[in-house]
């Protein structure tokens, strides 16, 4: 990094960003560019608030601190592990979550319509039970419980290791009385009927799985690969879900499903489903909504 002895926080970030850019690391686990990733790593390493760069930008960085920053950036480049695995923390909609290699880094776009109130128009005064299917580190379950204090949330996952991470986040946010963790494959652990089902499942198609950058390959493949039952379009889990989910839904319930960049494959697999596509920062083709009536 060659950080000068008279470095400041902002010059350390700029130097780190240049290294990340030159190394060609991949982003997408909380940041989308080299500068933001560098700011995250530098501020975390220096023990500074991640949301206060303007206030600390000109703060001096001594030689020992500069070496610590350089070591962290070097590890990010050499290992190609997402920054969240190095810091042990990721943020979603401004809420902090513990993460490690047992779960994918939380980034579900479902968090946006959940947090901004878009989903409120699909709920009723009688909404009381929510299912977060494929909960991973529990972030959507936590966000749902925070958004709607009157609901109870079941958070399910096939992976016992993921649920161990989710338990840490449920406890971190003091939601043990309102979020129940359940282990099971797909809907096997569901205890419906639910008024709202959130699902960010494995949906990456086979060709895309083989082309993933190392940062994504560092994550559990079980949470990404949508072809574990012999398919190639990423829809294996979703096919089972669509077939059985209505039985777990109350009369006016809705399913909110993330398919990422797989809209074309989803529509090819479910030609007769009139999905409602929800706007997100990544576009209007990443997250969809289906009512129970549509599913039956």
Protein backbone atom coordinates (compact mmCIF):
# COMPACT_ATOMS: atom_id res chain seq x y z
CA UNK A 1 0.00 0.00 0.00
CA UNK A 2 2.94 2.32 0.72
CA UNK A 3 0.83 4.43 3.03
CA UNK A 4 2.80 7.55 4.04
CA UNK A 5 3.56 8.16 7.72
CA UNK A 6 1.41 11.29 7.65
CA UNK A 7 -1.55 9.43 6.20
CA UNK A 8 -5.11 10.31 7.05
CA UNK A 9 -8.17 8.12 6.99
CA UNK A 10 -9.19 9.38 3.56
CA UNK A 11 -5.74 8.88 2.02
CA UNK A 12 -5.59 5.38 3.49
CA UNK A 13 -8.97 4.62 1.91
CA UNK A 14 -7.89 6.01 -1.45
CA UNK A 15 -4.70 3.92 -1.37
CA UNK A 16 -6.66 0.80 -0.43
CA UNK A 17 -9.21 1.43 -3.17
CA UNK A 18 -6.43 1.69 -5.74
CA UNK A 19 -5.04 -1.66 -4.62
CA UNK A 20 -8.43 -3.35 -4.75
CA UNK A 21 -9.09 -1.92 -8.19
CA UNK A 22 -5.73 -3.02 -9.52
CA UNK A 23 -6.18 -6.52 -8.11
CA UNK A 24 -9.52 -6.96 -9.87
CA UNK A 25 -11.44 -8.20 -6.84
CA UNK A 26 -15.19 -8.72 -7.21
CA UNK A 27 -17.74 -6.73 -5.25
CA UNK A 28 -21.40 -7.27 -4.46
CA UNK A 29 -21.34 -8.35 -0.82
CA UNK A 30 -22.38 -5.05 0.70
CA UNK A 31 -20.50 -2.73 -1.63
CA UNK A 32 -20.44 -2.26 -5.39
CA UNK A 33 -17.12 -0.49 -5.98
CA UNK A 34 -13.52 -0.29 -4.79
CA UNK A 35 -13.85 2.96 -2.84
CA UNK A 36 -16.81 1.81 -0.75
CA UNK A 37 -15.12 -1.53 -0.08
CA UNK A 38 -11.93 0.22 0.95
CA UNK A 39 -13.83 2.58 3.24
CA UNK A 40 -15.50 -0.40 4.92
CA UNK A 41 -12.20 -2.20 5.49
CA UNK A 42 -10.25 0.84 6.64
CA UNK A 43 -12.90 2.20 8.98
CA UNK A 44 -13.50 -1.23 10.49
CA UNK A 45 -9.80 -1.90 10.98
CA UNK A 46 -9.35 1.47 12.69
CA UNK A 47 -12.39 0.94 14.91
CA UNK A 48 -14.22 3.93 13.46
CA UNK A 49 -17.96 4.20 12.74
CA UNK A 50 -18.75 2.92 9.27
CA UNK A 51 -21.27 5.70 8.67
CA UNK A 52 -19.09 8.61 9.74
CA UNK A 53 -16.47 8.96 7.02
CA UNK A 54 -16.99 12.70 6.62
CA UNK A 55 -16.34 13.28 10.30
CA UNK A 56 -13.12 11.22 10.45
CA UNK A 57 -11.74 11.67 6.93
CA UNK A 58 -8.86 13.94 8.02
CA UNK A 59 -8.05 12.00 11.17
CA UNK A 60 -4.39 10.94 11.28
CA UNK A 61 -3.39 7.31 10.75
CA UNK A 62 -0.14 6.34 12.48
CA UNK A 63 2.40 3.82 11.21
CA UNK A 64 1.03 0.90 13.23
CA UNK A 65 -2.50 1.57 12.06
CA UNK A 66 -1.32 1.87 8.48
CA UNK A 67 0.35 -1.53 8.71
CA UNK A 68 -2.83 -3.07 10.14
CA UNK A 69 -4.89 -1.62 7.30
CA UNK A 70 -2.36 -2.83 4.74
CA UNK A 71 -2.50 -6.35 6.17
CA UNK A 72 -6.30 -6.45 6.01
CA UNK A 73 -6.42 -5.19 2.44
CA UNK A 74 -3.73 -7.71 1.49
CA UNK A 75 -5.82 -10.50 3.01
CA UNK A 76 -8.88 -9.35 1.08
CA UNK A 77 -6.91 -9.46 -2.17
CA UNK A 78 -5.06 -12.72 -1.55
CA UNK A 79 -7.98 -14.73 -0.16
CA UNK A 80 -10.74 -13.25 -2.36
CA UNK A 81 -13.04 -13.72 0.63
CA UNK A 82 -15.88 -11.18 0.91
CA UNK A 83 -15.09 -8.31 3.25
CA UNK A 84 -17.97 -9.35 5.51
CA UNK A 85 -16.18 -12.61 6.30
CA UNK A 86 -13.07 -10.67 7.29
CA UNK A 87 -14.96 -8.25 9.54
CA UNK A 88 -17.58 -10.72 10.79
CA UNK A 89 -20.37 -8.26 10.12
CA UNK A 90 -22.64 -7.10 7.32
CA UNK A 91 -25.41 -4.52 7.16
CA UNK A 92 -28.79 -4.80 5.49
CA UNK A 93 -31.14 -1.80 5.45
CA UNK A 94 -28.97 -0.18 8.11
CA UNK A 95 -29.26 -3.14 10.48
CA UNK A 96 -26.07 -5.01 11.51
CA UNK A 97 -25.78 -8.78 11.28
CA UNK A 98 -23.12 -11.28 12.30
CA UNK A 99 -21.83 -13.38 9.39
CA UNK A 100 -19.21 -16.01 8.71
CA UNK A 101 -18.55 -18.66 6.06
CA UNK A 102 -21.51 -20.77 7.22
CA UNK A 103 -23.91 -18.38 5.46
CA UNK A 104 -23.99 -16.21 2.37
CA UNK A 105 -23.48 -12.52 3.01
CA UNK A 106 -26.94 -10.93 3.47
CA UNK A 107 -27.94 -8.85 0.47
CA UNK A 108 -31.47 -9.95 -0.38
CA UNK A 109 -33.40 -7.37 -2.37
CA UNK A 110 -36.53 -8.48 -0.50
CA UNK A 111 -35.24 -6.29 2.32
CA UNK A 112 -36.07 -3.18 0.27
CA UNK A 113 -39.86 -3.58 -0.16
CA UNK A 114 -39.97 -4.97 3.37
CA UNK A 115 -38.28 -1.92 4.89
CA UNK A 116 -39.74 0.82 2.68
CA UNK A 117 -43.36 -0.15 3.32
CA UNK A 118 -44.15 -1.55 -0.13
CA UNK A 119 -45.24 -4.87 1.36
CA UNK A 120 -47.53 -3.17 3.87
CA UNK A 121 -50.15 -2.67 1.17
CA UNK A 122 -50.35 -6.44 0.71
CA UNK A 123 -50.85 -7.16 4.40
CA UNK A 124 -54.02 -6.88 6.43
CA UNK A 125 -54.94 -6.03 9.99
CA UNK A 126 -55.04 -9.76 10.68
CA UNK A 127 -51.46 -10.44 9.53
CA UNK A 128 -49.81 -12.23 12.42
CA UNK A 129 -47.63 -15.04 11.06
CA UNK A 130 -44.62 -14.69 8.75
CA UNK A 131 -42.33 -17.36 7.29
CA UNK A 132 -38.78 -16.56 6.21
CA UNK A 133 -37.94 -19.59 4.08
CA UNK A 134 -34.21 -20.20 3.43
CA UNK A 135 -33.40 -17.75 6.22
CA UNK A 136 -29.60 -18.07 6.08
CA UNK A 137 -28.22 -15.74 8.72
CA UNK A 138 -31.74 -14.68 9.70
CA UNK A 139 -31.57 -11.16 8.32
CA UNK A 140 -34.98 -11.09 6.62
CA UNK A 141 -36.63 -12.67 9.66
CA UNK A 142 -35.10 -9.98 11.88
CA UNK A 143 -36.10 -7.18 9.51
CA UNK A 144 -39.67 -8.52 9.35
CA UNK A 145 -39.92 -8.70 13.13
CA UNK A 146 -38.57 -5.15 13.43
CA UNK A 147 -40.93 -3.82 10.74
CA UNK A 148 -44.08 -5.44 12.16
CA UNK A 149 -43.92 -5.67 15.98
CA UNK A 150 -47.21 -7.57 16.12
CA UNK A 151 -46.08 -10.59 14.04
CA UNK A 152 -44.47 -13.90 14.92
CA UNK A 153 -41.84 -15.17 12.50
CA UNK A 154 -40.75 -18.70 11.66
CA UNK A 155 -37.29 -18.79 10.08
CA UNK A 156 -36.38 -22.05 8.38
CA UNK A 157 -33.32 -23.43 6.63
CA UNK A 158 -31.93 -26.77 5.53
CA UNK A 159 -28.53 -25.93 7.05
CA UNK A 160 -28.05 -26.39 10.79
CA UNK A 161 -24.89 -24.29 10.49
CA UNK A 162 -26.83 -21.41 8.97
CA UNK A 163 -29.40 -21.62 11.74
CA UNK A 164 -26.62 -21.39 14.33
CA UNK A 165 -25.61 -18.07 12.76
CA UNK A 166 -29.25 -16.96 12.59
CA UNK A 167 -29.61 -17.71 16.31
CA UNK A 168 -26.79 -15.25 17.03
CA UNK A 169 -28.59 -12.53 15.10
CA UNK A 170 -31.96 -13.24 16.67
CA UNK A 171 -30.35 -12.91 20.09
CA UNK A 172 -28.36 -9.84 19.02
CA UNK A 173 -31.59 -8.01 18.26
CA UNK A 174 -33.49 -9.37 21.27
CA UNK A 175 -36.10 -11.20 19.21
CA UNK A 176 -35.97 -14.66 20.77
CA UNK A 177 -39.62 -14.43 21.81
CA UNK A 178 -40.83 -13.53 18.33
CA UNK A 179 -38.62 -15.52 15.93
CA UNK A 180 -38.62 -19.32 15.95
CA UNK A 181 -35.83 -21.11 14.08
CA UNK A 182 -36.70 -24.42 12.40
CA UNK A 183 -34.54 -26.82 10.41
CA UNK A 184 -35.89 -28.60 7.36
CA UNK A 185 -35.68 -29.04 3.61
CA UNK A 186 -37.87 -26.54 1.79
CA UNK A 187 -41.35 -26.39 3.27
CA UNK A 188 -40.78 -29.43 5.50
CA UNK A 189 -40.14 -27.24 8.53
CA UNK A 190 -43.06 -24.88 7.85
CA UNK A 191 -45.92 -24.78 10.35
CA UNK A 192 -48.50 -22.80 8.41
CA UNK A 193 -50.78 -21.26 7.58
CA UNK A 194 -48.77 -18.05 7.19
CA UNK A 195 -50.02 -14.61 6.19
CA UNK A 196 -46.73 -13.69 4.48
CA UNK A 197 -43.93 -15.89 3.14
CA UNK A 198 -40.55 -14.40 2.27
CA UNK A 199 -38.12 -16.53 0.30
CA UNK A 200 -34.66 -15.82 -1.07
CA UNK A 201 -33.87 -19.34 -2.31
CA UNK A 202 -30.96 -20.84 -4.22
CA UNK A 203 -31.69 -19.81 -7.81
CA UNK A 204 -28.43 -19.35 -9.73
CA UNK A 205 -28.49 -21.27 -13.03
CA UNK A 206 -25.83 -23.85 -13.85
CA UNK A 207 -23.89 -21.79 -16.36
CA UNK A 208 -23.74 -18.82 -13.99
CA UNK A 209 -22.60 -21.04 -11.10
CA UNK A 210 -19.54 -22.12 -13.08
CA UNK A 211 -18.67 -18.49 -13.85
CA UNK A 212 -18.96 -17.08 -10.32
CA UNK A 213 -16.01 -14.97 -9.11
CA UNK A 214 -13.98 -16.40 -6.19
CA UNK A 215 -15.77 -14.12 -3.71
CA UNK A 216 -19.05 -15.87 -4.49
CA UNK A 217 -17.42 -19.29 -4.55
CA UNK A 218 -16.33 -18.61 -0.97
CA UNK A 219 -20.00 -18.69 0.06
CA UNK A 220 -21.93 -21.92 0.74
CA UNK A 221 -22.95 -23.29 -2.66
CA UNK A 222 -26.09 -24.79 -1.14
CA UNK A 223 -27.46 -21.26 -0.72
CA UNK A 224 -26.76 -20.26 -4.32
CA UNK A 225 -27.01 -23.30 -6.60
CA UNK A 226 -30.53 -23.74 -7.94
CA UNK A 227 -29.69 -26.92 -9.86
CA UNK A 228 -29.21 -29.51 -7.11
CA UNK A 229 -31.96 -31.76 -8.42
CA UNK A 230 -30.54 -32.13 -11.90
CA UNK A 231 -31.82 -28.97 -13.53
CA UNK A 232 -29.86 -26.30 -15.32
CA UNK A 233 -32.06 -23.18 -15.11
CA UNK A 234 -31.75 -22.52 -11.37
CA UNK A 235 -35.42 -23.27 -10.73
CA UNK A 236 -35.17 -26.67 -8.96
CA UNK A 237 -35.99 -25.37 -5.46
CA UNK A 238 -38.55 -22.91 -6.78
CA UNK A 239 -40.43 -25.63 -8.66
CA UNK A 240 -40.95 -27.55 -5.41
CA UNK A 241 -41.88 -24.34 -3.63
CA UNK A 242 -44.51 -23.28 -6.16
CA UNK A 243 -46.02 -26.76 -6.13
CA UNK A 244 -46.63 -26.88 -2.39
CA UNK A 245 -46.55 -23.39 -0.92
CA UNK A 246 -50.28 -22.61 -1.18
CA UNK A 247 -50.98 -25.25 1.47
CA UNK A 248 -48.90 -23.20 3.91
CA UNK A 249 -50.70 -19.91 3.19
CA UNK A 250 -53.73 -18.32 4.79
CA UNK A 251 -56.56 -17.15 2.55
CA UNK A 252 -55.19 -13.66 1.88
CA UNK A 253 -51.50 -14.54 2.13
CA UNK A 254 -48.79 -13.54 -0.33
CA UNK A 255 -45.46 -15.05 -1.29
CA UNK A 256 -42.53 -12.69 -1.91
CA UNK A 257 -39.82 -14.45 -3.89
CA UNK A 258 -36.40 -13.31 -5.07
CA UNK A 259 -35.11 -14.69 -8.38
CA UNK A 260 -32.32 -12.20 -9.05
CA UNK A 261 -31.16 -12.27 -12.64
CA UNK A 262 -33.23 -15.37 -13.42
CA UNK A 263 -36.51 -13.74 -14.45
CA UNK A 264 -36.34 -15.26 -17.93
CA UNK A 265 -35.85 -18.73 -16.49
CA UNK A 266 -38.65 -18.17 -13.97
CA UNK A 267 -41.10 -17.07 -16.63
CA UNK A 268 -40.12 -19.97 -18.88
CA UNK A 269 -40.70 -22.43 -16.04
CA UNK A 270 -43.99 -20.89 -14.84
CA UNK A 271 -45.67 -19.54 -17.95
CA UNK A 272 -49.14 -19.50 -16.38
CA UNK A 273 -48.19 -17.59 -13.22
CA UNK A 274 -49.09 -13.87 -13.48
CA UNK A 275 -46.37 -12.64 -11.13
CA UNK A 276 -46.36 -9.09 -9.78
CA UNK A 277 -42.82 -7.68 -10.04
CA UNK A 278 -41.75 -5.33 -7.26
CA UNK A 279 -39.41 -2.37 -7.83
CA UNK A 280 -35.96 -2.59 -6.22
CA UNK A 281 -32.67 -0.74 -6.57
CA UNK A 282 -31.54 -3.49 -8.97
CA UNK A 283 -34.57 -3.08 -11.22
CA UNK A 284 -38.14 -4.29 -11.49
CA UNK A 285 -37.30 -7.87 -12.48
CA UNK A 286 -35.58 -9.32 -9.42
CA UNK A 287 -38.30 -9.76 -6.77
CA UNK A 288 -41.84 -10.95 -7.42
CA UNK A 289 -45.04 -11.33 -5.46
CA UNK A 290 -47.73 -14.02 -5.81
CA UNK A 291 -51.03 -14.24 -3.97
CA UNK A 292 -52.46 -17.51 -2.72
CA UNK A 293 -55.20 -17.24 -5.32
CA UNK A 294 -52.61 -17.03 -8.10
CA UNK A 295 -50.79 -20.05 -6.72
CA UNK A 296 -53.94 -22.17 -6.62
